[in-house]
């Protein structure tokens, strides 16, 4: 290994290691200390490391990608000095690493290829770019290009790596320790994947997806239940209304437990931003939340968005988008629809409809011919549904 190559790779590796450590810091604050101030690379919606770090794409097998990056650069550093280390008496086994530059080239090029896939996900799926991440992507490429033996063939490094590995595992004790190492790594990755201990965004994603139960088979926009249901419950609600949060749970239970009930949810935000009836600010950002719920309906995910807003209580458009990424929305379409005049008119029409029915508070529900305002206990609510013609399923769980 030439001294010049070693110095160049060392400098690139240290830069990459520094960036990965900072990305670990960003990941921690984005996912485990959410009251923390934005990171230095959270510039705007298009360039925001924090937003990327909060998505399930920021980890692999339960391990943050930033931590994988640290492991990569530590491996490269190890290979840079393996020739010195193998001269130590108790590290003589390191002599199996005969072509360290080949290994550096292979793993760095593999990392760059994977990074390009992640880059496309960031640009086209998440719609937000992590600048520090992209810097590490190109550092990986530069390391690979520097480690490449340009006098050798295209596949020289790959052949060297495979041959050295084969020669090493022919030695029984090396094969044994290699198997032990693989088993240890598999155990750790199995634990991190199942527990999501380092990936709270994936845990939250799975938690949210659990709410999409049997009733989600019968979804049509803001309707929940079978199309031919003969008992319809119209709910007029506001996403910042505590009683509406409870009513939302009750209504989903009703749809699950009854065979002939359909729920239609109508948004009447008590927010002066879009509700002409309001004389003061009222429920701040209720209009914004209603817009996003209606926009979600265009992707047939109204109820997923409804659960998300009630469960997570996002306060800004940015927070709604960040949390929507957990449920695999088309983020670009969602944002465009939520800000369109068509969606805003839909919410205005919903408010106008509530005006004709002289609805003044939320939640107001029409269960058959009975109107109720507010919610009491679930058994009382369920009894009203039964009185209005609701039929419980025979094998209700």
Protein backbone atom coordinates (compact mmCIF):
# COMPACT_ATOMS: atom_id res chain seq x y z
CA UNK A 1 0.00 0.00 0.00
CA UNK A 2 1.58 3.28 -1.12
CA UNK A 3 1.98 6.01 1.47
CA UNK A 4 0.07 8.54 -0.67
CA UNK A 5 -2.94 6.25 -1.01
CA UNK A 6 -2.89 5.50 2.68
CA UNK A 7 -2.86 9.21 3.61
CA UNK A 8 -5.69 10.07 1.18
CA UNK A 9 -7.89 7.20 2.38
CA UNK A 10 -7.09 8.05 6.01
CA UNK A 11 -8.17 11.69 5.54
CA UNK A 12 -11.36 10.69 3.70
CA UNK A 13 -12.11 8.05 6.32
CA UNK A 14 -11.72 10.48 9.21
CA UNK A 15 -14.02 12.99 7.48
CA UNK A 16 -16.59 10.25 6.90
CA UNK A 17 -16.28 9.08 10.49
CA UNK A 18 -16.82 12.63 11.76
CA UNK A 19 -19.91 13.06 9.58
CA UNK A 20 -21.29 9.69 10.71
CA UNK A 21 -20.82 10.63 14.35
CA UNK A 22 -22.71 13.87 13.75
CA UNK A 23 -25.45 11.94 11.94
CA UNK A 24 -25.73 9.66 14.97
CA UNK A 25 -26.20 12.78 17.05
CA UNK A 26 -28.88 14.04 14.63
CA UNK A 27 -30.60 10.64 14.72
CA UNK A 28 -30.61 10.56 18.51
CA UNK A 29 -32.07 14.06 18.90
CA UNK A 30 -34.63 13.51 16.13
CA UNK A 31 -35.92 10.25 17.58
CA UNK A 32 -35.12 10.16 21.29
CA UNK A 33 -35.04 13.83 22.29
CA UNK A 34 -37.80 15.36 20.19
CA UNK A 35 -37.89 18.58 22.22
CA UNK A 36 -34.32 19.31 21.10
CA UNK A 37 -33.59 22.22 18.76
CA UNK A 38 -33.26 21.49 15.02
CA UNK A 39 -29.83 20.29 13.89
CA UNK A 40 -27.50 22.48 11.86
CA UNK A 41 -28.39 20.59 8.68
CA UNK A 42 -32.14 21.21 9.04
CA UNK A 43 -32.20 24.09 6.57
CA UNK A 44 -35.65 23.88 4.97
CA UNK A 45 -38.21 21.31 3.81
CA UNK A 46 -36.00 20.22 0.90
CA UNK A 47 -32.77 19.94 2.91
CA UNK A 48 -33.57 18.56 6.33
CA UNK A 49 -31.49 15.87 8.05
CA UNK A 50 -33.95 15.76 10.95
CA UNK A 51 -36.90 14.83 8.74
CA UNK A 52 -34.92 12.06 7.05
CA UNK A 53 -33.73 10.74 10.42
CA UNK A 54 -37.34 10.42 11.63
CA UNK A 55 -38.35 8.07 8.82
CA UNK A 56 -38.15 4.29 8.86
CA UNK A 57 -35.68 4.53 5.96
CA UNK A 58 -33.00 5.87 8.33
CA UNK A 59 -32.31 2.41 9.72
CA UNK A 60 -31.59 -1.08 8.43
CA UNK A 61 -32.24 -4.21 10.49
CA UNK A 62 -32.99 -2.00 13.46
CA UNK A 63 -29.59 -0.26 13.27
CA UNK A 64 -29.40 3.45 12.33
CA UNK A 65 -27.66 3.95 8.98
CA UNK A 66 -25.31 6.42 10.66
CA UNK A 67 -24.09 3.61 12.92
CA UNK A 68 -23.55 1.38 9.90
CA UNK A 69 -21.46 4.22 8.49
CA UNK A 70 -19.32 4.31 11.63
CA UNK A 71 -18.73 0.57 11.35
CA UNK A 72 -17.71 1.02 7.71
CA UNK A 73 -15.12 3.69 8.48
CA UNK A 74 -13.77 1.78 11.47
CA UNK A 75 -13.28 -1.23 9.18
CA UNK A 76 -11.43 0.93 6.66
CA UNK A 77 -9.19 2.35 9.41
CA UNK A 78 -8.53 -1.17 10.64
CA UNK A 79 -7.52 -2.28 7.15
CA UNK A 80 -5.23 0.74 6.73
CA UNK A 81 -3.15 -0.35 9.72
CA UNK A 82 -3.64 -4.12 9.63
CA UNK A 83 -0.10 -4.61 8.28
CA UNK A 84 1.27 -2.96 11.44
CA UNK A 85 -1.11 -4.77 13.78
CA UNK A 86 -0.31 -8.22 12.41
CA UNK A 87 3.32 -7.81 13.50
CA UNK A 88 2.21 -7.87 17.12
CA UNK A 89 2.68 -11.32 18.64
CA UNK A 90 -0.88 -11.79 19.87
CA UNK A 91 -2.37 -10.48 16.59
CA UNK A 92 -0.49 -12.73 14.23
CA UNK A 93 -3.76 -14.18 12.93
CA UNK A 94 -4.36 -10.89 11.14
CA UNK A 95 -1.91 -12.07 8.47
CA UNK A 96 -4.94 -13.62 6.72
CA UNK A 97 -5.71 -10.08 5.52
CA UNK A 98 -3.29 -10.09 2.59
CA UNK A 99 -4.85 -7.44 0.33
CA UNK A 100 -6.36 -4.70 2.54
CA UNK A 101 -6.82 -2.25 -0.34
CA UNK A 102 -8.94 -4.81 -2.17
CA UNK A 103 -11.22 -5.18 0.84
CA UNK A 104 -11.45 -1.41 1.24
CA UNK A 105 -12.36 -1.02 -2.43
CA UNK A 106 -15.06 -3.72 -2.34
CA UNK A 107 -16.81 -2.56 0.81
CA UNK A 108 -16.59 1.14 -0.10
CA UNK A 109 -17.98 0.54 -3.59
CA UNK A 110 -20.77 -1.62 -2.16
CA UNK A 111 -21.57 1.11 0.35
CA UNK A 112 -21.69 3.72 -2.43
CA UNK A 113 -24.07 1.59 -4.53
CA UNK A 114 -26.39 1.12 -1.56
CA UNK A 115 -26.12 4.85 -0.87
CA UNK A 116 -27.34 5.66 -4.37
CA UNK A 117 -30.49 3.64 -3.68
CA UNK A 118 -30.93 5.51 -0.39
CA UNK A 119 -30.36 8.79 -2.22
CA UNK A 120 -33.19 8.01 -4.65
CA UNK A 121 -35.49 7.12 -1.74
CA UNK A 122 -34.58 10.40 -0.07
CA UNK A 123 -35.27 12.49 -3.18
CA UNK A 124 -38.30 10.72 -4.63
CA UNK A 125 -39.92 9.04 -1.60
CA UNK A 126 -39.13 11.18 1.43
CA UNK A 127 -38.91 14.42 -0.60
CA UNK A 128 -36.21 15.72 1.73
CA UNK A 129 -32.43 15.45 1.49
CA UNK A 130 -29.89 14.89 4.26
CA UNK A 131 -26.84 16.88 3.18
CA UNK A 132 -24.46 15.12 5.57
CA UNK A 133 -25.68 11.75 4.29
CA UNK A 134 -24.94 12.70 0.68
CA UNK A 135 -21.49 13.88 1.69
CA UNK A 136 -20.71 10.44 3.12
CA UNK A 137 -22.02 8.82 -0.08
CA UNK A 138 -19.39 10.56 -2.18
CA UNK A 139 -16.67 10.03 0.41
CA UNK A 140 -17.35 6.30 0.05
CA UNK A 141 -16.91 6.62 -3.73
CA UNK A 142 -13.67 8.57 -3.35
CA UNK A 143 -12.31 5.95 -0.95
CA UNK A 144 -13.17 3.19 -3.44
CA UNK A 145 -11.56 5.07 -6.33
CA UNK A 146 -8.42 5.71 -4.29
CA UNK A 147 -8.14 2.08 -3.18
CA UNK A 148 -8.62 0.76 -6.72
CA UNK A 149 -5.61 -0.81 -8.44
CA UNK A 150 -5.96 0.77 -11.85
CA UNK A 151 -3.28 -1.47 -13.33
CA UNK A 152 -5.28 -4.56 -12.46
CA UNK A 153 -8.45 -5.82 -14.10
CA UNK A 154 -11.99 -4.61 -13.37
CA UNK A 155 -12.65 -7.48 -10.99
CA UNK A 156 -9.16 -7.76 -9.47
CA UNK A 157 -10.19 -6.55 -6.00
CA UNK A 158 -13.26 -8.76 -5.91
CA UNK A 159 -11.24 -11.84 -6.93
CA UNK A 160 -8.55 -11.04 -4.35
CA UNK A 161 -11.16 -10.66 -1.60
CA UNK A 162 -12.94 -13.91 -2.43
CA UNK A 163 -9.71 -15.87 -2.76
CA UNK A 164 -8.31 -14.53 0.54
CA UNK A 165 -11.55 -15.38 2.31
CA UNK A 166 -11.51 -18.91 0.90
CA UNK A 167 -7.90 -19.42 1.96
CA UNK A 168 -8.65 -18.14 5.47
CA UNK A 169 -11.63 -20.38 6.20
CA UNK A 170 -9.70 -23.44 5.06
CA UNK A 171 -7.92 -23.09 8.40
CA UNK A 172 -10.23 -24.78 10.89
CA UNK A 173 -9.76 -22.36 13.79
CA UNK A 174 -10.38 -19.37 11.53
CA UNK A 175 -13.53 -21.00 10.16
CA UNK A 176 -14.73 -21.62 13.71
CA UNK A 177 -14.25 -18.03 14.84
CA UNK A 178 -15.79 -16.75 11.61
CA UNK A 179 -18.92 -18.82 12.27
CA UNK A 180 -19.02 -17.57 15.88
CA UNK A 181 -18.75 -13.99 14.64
CA UNK A 182 -21.56 -14.51 12.12
CA UNK A 183 -23.79 -16.04 14.79
CA UNK A 184 -23.09 -13.15 17.16
CA UNK A 185 -23.86 -10.58 14.46
CA UNK A 186 -27.04 -12.45 13.49
CA UNK A 187 -28.17 -12.53 17.12
CA UNK A 188 -27.60 -8.80 17.57
CA UNK A 189 -29.36 -7.91 14.32
CA UNK A 190 -32.27 -10.20 15.12
CA UNK A 191 -32.68 -8.47 18.46
CA UNK A 192 -32.47 -4.94 17.04
CA UNK A 193 -34.87 -5.83 14.22
CA UNK A 194 -37.49 -7.39 16.50
CA UNK A 195 -37.19 -4.95 19.40
CA UNK A 196 -36.67 -1.76 17.35
CA UNK A 197 -34.76 -0.54 20.39
CA UNK A 198 -32.66 1.76 18.17
CA UNK A 199 -35.41 2.49 15.64
CA UNK A 200 -38.39 4.16 17.37
CA UNK A 201 -39.69 5.44 14.04
CA UNK A 202 -40.13 1.86 12.82
CA UNK A 203 -41.74 0.87 16.11
CA UNK A 204 -44.15 3.78 15.71
CA UNK A 205 -44.83 2.77 12.12
CA UNK A 206 -45.74 -0.76 13.18
CA UNK A 207 -47.87 0.58 16.02
CA UNK A 208 -49.80 2.80 13.63
CA UNK A 209 -50.25 0.00 11.13
CA UNK A 210 -51.78 -2.17 13.86
CA UNK A 211 -54.67 0.27 14.02
CA UNK A 212 -55.55 -0.65 10.46
CA UNK A 213 -57.59 -3.69 11.43
CA UNK A 214 -60.47 -5.58 9.93
CA UNK A 215 -62.57 -2.43 9.45
CA UNK A 216 -60.05 -1.07 6.94
CA UNK A 217 -61.45 -3.51 4.40
CA UNK A 218 -64.44 -1.18 4.14
CA UNK A 219 -63.00 2.26 3.49
CA UNK A 220 -64.19 4.79 0.95
CA UNK A 221 -62.78 8.26 1.48
CA UNK A 222 -64.13 9.59 4.79
CA UNK A 223 -66.51 6.63 5.06
CA UNK A 224 -65.77 3.63 7.25
CA UNK A 225 -67.90 0.51 7.00
CA UNK A 226 -69.71 -1.55 4.41
CA UNK A 227 -71.15 0.39 1.49
CA UNK A 228 -74.58 -1.28 1.87
CA UNK A 229 -74.85 -0.66 5.63
CA UNK A 230 -78.40 0.35 6.58
CA UNK A 231 -77.47 2.38 9.67
CA UNK A 232 -75.33 5.41 8.95
CA UNK A 233 -73.64 7.52 11.61
CA UNK A 234 -72.68 11.03 10.53
CA UNK A 235 -70.06 12.58 12.78
CA UNK A 236 -69.24 16.30 12.67
CA UNK A 237 -65.88 16.74 14.32
CA UNK A 238 -62.75 18.82 14.86
CA UNK A 239 -59.28 17.29 15.11
CA UNK A 240 -58.40 19.47 18.11
CA UNK A 241 -61.51 18.42 20.04
CA UNK A 242 -60.88 16.10 23.00
CA UNK A 243 -64.35 14.61 22.79
CA UNK A 244 -63.81 13.92 19.08
CA UNK A 245 -60.71 11.92 19.93
CA UNK A 246 -62.81 9.66 22.17
CA UNK A 247 -65.64 9.53 19.62
CA UNK A 248 -63.16 8.44 16.95
CA UNK A 249 -62.24 5.40 19.07
CA UNK A 250 -65.88 4.62 19.82
CA UNK A 251 -66.91 4.81 16.18
CA UNK A 252 -64.17 2.49 15.00
CA UNK A 253 -65.15 -0.02 17.66
CA UNK A 254 -68.77 0.23 16.53
CA UNK A 255 -67.84 -0.51 12.91
CA UNK A 256 -65.79 -3.49 14.04
CA UNK A 257 -68.47 -4.90 16.35
CA UNK A 258 -71.60 -4.22 14.27
CA UNK A 259 -72.44 -5.76 10.91
CA UNK A 260 -74.70 -3.06 9.48
CA UNK A 261 -73.16 0.27 10.55
CA UNK A 262 -71.26 2.79 8.44
CA UNK A 263 -69.58 5.94 9.74
CA UNK A 264 -69.13 9.11 7.71
CA UNK A 265 -66.81 11.66 9.28
CA UNK A 266 -67.28 15.36 8.43
CA UNK A 267 -64.71 18.01 9.29
CA UNK A 268 -65.92 21.29 10.76
CA UNK A 269 -62.72 22.90 12.07
CA UNK A 270 -63.35 25.39 14.87
CA UNK A 271 -60.58 27.53 13.45
CA UNK A 272 -60.99 31.07 12.17
CA UNK A 273 -58.59 30.30 9.32
CA UNK A 274 -61.30 28.50 7.33
CA UNK A 275 -64.46 28.65 9.42
CA UNK A 276 -66.40 31.88 8.87
CA UNK A 277 -68.49 31.21 11.98
CA UNK A 278 -65.53 31.64 14.32
CA UNK A 279 -65.07 35.06 15.91
CA UNK A 280 -61.75 34.17 17.56
CA UNK A 281 -58.82 31.83 16.87
CA UNK A 282 -60.46 28.75 18.43
CA UNK A 283 -58.73 25.48 17.64
CA UNK A 284 -55.44 26.51 16.05
CA UNK A 285 -54.39 24.48 12.99
CA UNK A 286 -57.68 22.56 12.84
CA UNK A 287 -58.14 23.74 9.26
CA UNK A 288 -54.68 22.51 8.31
CA UNK A 289 -55.40 19.09 9.81
CA UNK A 290 -58.74 18.90 8.01
CA UNK A 291 -57.05 19.74 4.70
CA UNK A 292 -54.59 16.90 5.17
CA UNK A 293 -57.34 14.46 6.14
CA UNK A 294 -59.24 15.31 2.96
CA UNK A 295 -56.02 15.08 0.94
CA UNK A 296 -55.34 11.64 2.45
CA UNK A 297 -58.77 10.52 1.26
CA UNK A 298 -57.54 10.92 -2.31
CA UNK A 299 -55.05 8.13 -1.54
CA UNK A 300 -57.84 6.18 0.22
CA UNK A 301 -56.06 6.72 3.54
CA UNK A 302 -58.40 9.16 5.24
CA UNK A 303 -58.76 7.00 8.35
CA UNK A 304 -55.03 6.38 8.62
CA UNK A 305 -54.52 10.15 8.59
CA UNK A 306 -57.37 10.60 11.07
CA UNK A 307 -55.75 8.11 13.47
CA UNK A 308 -52.38 9.73 12.95
CA UNK A 309 -53.63 13.25 13.72
CA UNK A 310 -55.61 12.18 16.76
CA UNK A 311 -52.83 9.93 18.04
CA UNK A 312 -49.80 12.11 17.34
CA UNK A 313 -51.35 15.60 17.53
CA UNK A 314 -49.01 17.27 14.99
CA UNK A 315 -49.08 21.06 15.20
CA UNK A 316 -47.50 22.10 11.91
CA UNK A 317 -47.58 21.02 8.28
CA UNK A 318 -44.01 19.81 8.60
CA UNK A 319 -44.92 17.56 11.55
CA UNK A 320 -47.91 16.12 9.67
CA UNK A 321 -45.70 15.28 6.69
CA UNK A 322 -43.02 13.72 8.88
CA UNK A 323 -45.56 11.45 10.55
CA UNK A 324 -47.35 10.68 7.26
CA UNK A 325 -44.13 9.16 5.95
CA UNK A 326 -44.60 6.35 8.47
CA UNK A 327 -47.71 5.24 6.58
CA UNK A 328 -46.23 5.24 3.07
CA UNK A 329 -48.17 8.18 1.69
CA UNK A 330 -47.24 9.72 -1.64
CA UNK A 331 -45.88 12.78 0.16
CA UNK A 332 -45.63 15.02 -2.89
CA UNK A 333 -49.25 14.36 -3.89
CA UNK A 334 -50.44 14.63 -0.28
CA UNK A 335 -48.88 18.08 0.12
CA UNK A 336 -50.13 19.33 -3.24
CA UNK A 337 -53.67 18.13 -2.57
CA UNK A 338 -53.75 19.55 0.97
CA UNK A 339 -52.85 22.99 -0.38
CA UNK A 340 -55.20 22.85 -3.37
CA UNK A 341 -58.32 24.98 -3.76
CA UNK A 342 -60.34 21.81 -4.33
CA UNK A 343 -59.58 20.47 -0.84
CA UNK A 344 -60.14 23.84 0.79
CA UNK A 345 -63.53 24.02 -0.91
CA UNK A 346 -64.39 20.52 0.37
CA UNK A 347 -63.80 21.68 3.94
CA UNK A 348 -65.84 24.83 3.34
CA UNK A 349 -68.68 22.69 1.98
CA UNK A 350 -68.52 20.50 5.08
CA UNK A 351 -68.77 23.59 7.30
CA UNK A 352 -71.69 24.89 5.21
CA UNK A 353 -73.48 21.54 5.57
CA UNK A 354 -73.02 21.71 9.35
CA UNK A 355 -74.51 25.23 9.28
CA UNK A 356 -77.66 23.96 7.61
CA UNK A 357 -78.07 21.44 10.43
CA UNK A 358 -77.38 24.16 13.01
CA UNK A 359 -74.44 22.27 14.47
CA UNK A 360 -72.57 24.41 16.96
CA UNK A 361 -70.36 21.98 18.90
CA UNK A 362 -68.19 18.95 18.33
CA UNK A 363 -68.52 16.07 18.27
CA UNK A 364 -72.10 16.10 17.01
CA UNK A 365 -73.39 12.79 15.69
CA UNK A 366 -76.50 11.72 13.88
CA UNK A 367 -77.14 8.04 14.58
CA UNK A 368 -80.07 7.15 12.39
CA UNK A 369 -82.66 9.78 13.38
CA UNK A 370 -81.12 10.52 16.78
CA UNK A 371 -78.78 13.47 17.29
CA UNK A 372 -76.28 13.46 20.16
CA UNK A 373 -73.67 16.03 21.14
CA UNK A 374 -70.59 14.88 22.99
CA UNK A 375 -69.82 11.37 24.20
CA UNK A 376 -70.40 9.51 27.44
CA UNK A 377 -69.36 5.95 28.21
CA UNK A 378 -68.92 3.41 25.42
CA UNK A 379 -71.68 1.09 26.76
CA UNK A 380 -74.16 4.00 26.67
CA UNK A 381 -73.02 4.95 23.18
CA UNK A 382 -73.30 1.34 22.04
CA UNK A 383 -76.82 1.11 23.43
CA UNK A 384 -77.90 4.10 21.37
CA UNK A 385 -76.58 2.40 18.24
CA UNK A 386 -78.54 -0.75 19.10
CA UNK A 387 -81.72 1.30 19.70
CA UNK A 388 -81.33 2.88 16.28
CA UNK A 389 -81.13 -0.49 14.52
CA UNK A 390 -77.52 -1.54 14.88
CA UNK A 391 -76.95 -5.31 14.77
CA UNK A 392 -73.97 -6.78 16.58
CA UNK A 393 -71.90 -9.39 14.82
CA UNK A 394 -72.60 -12.95 15.90
CA UNK A 395 -68.98 -13.73 16.77
CA UNK A 396 -67.96 -10.31 18.00
CA UNK A 397 -64.59 -10.29 19.76
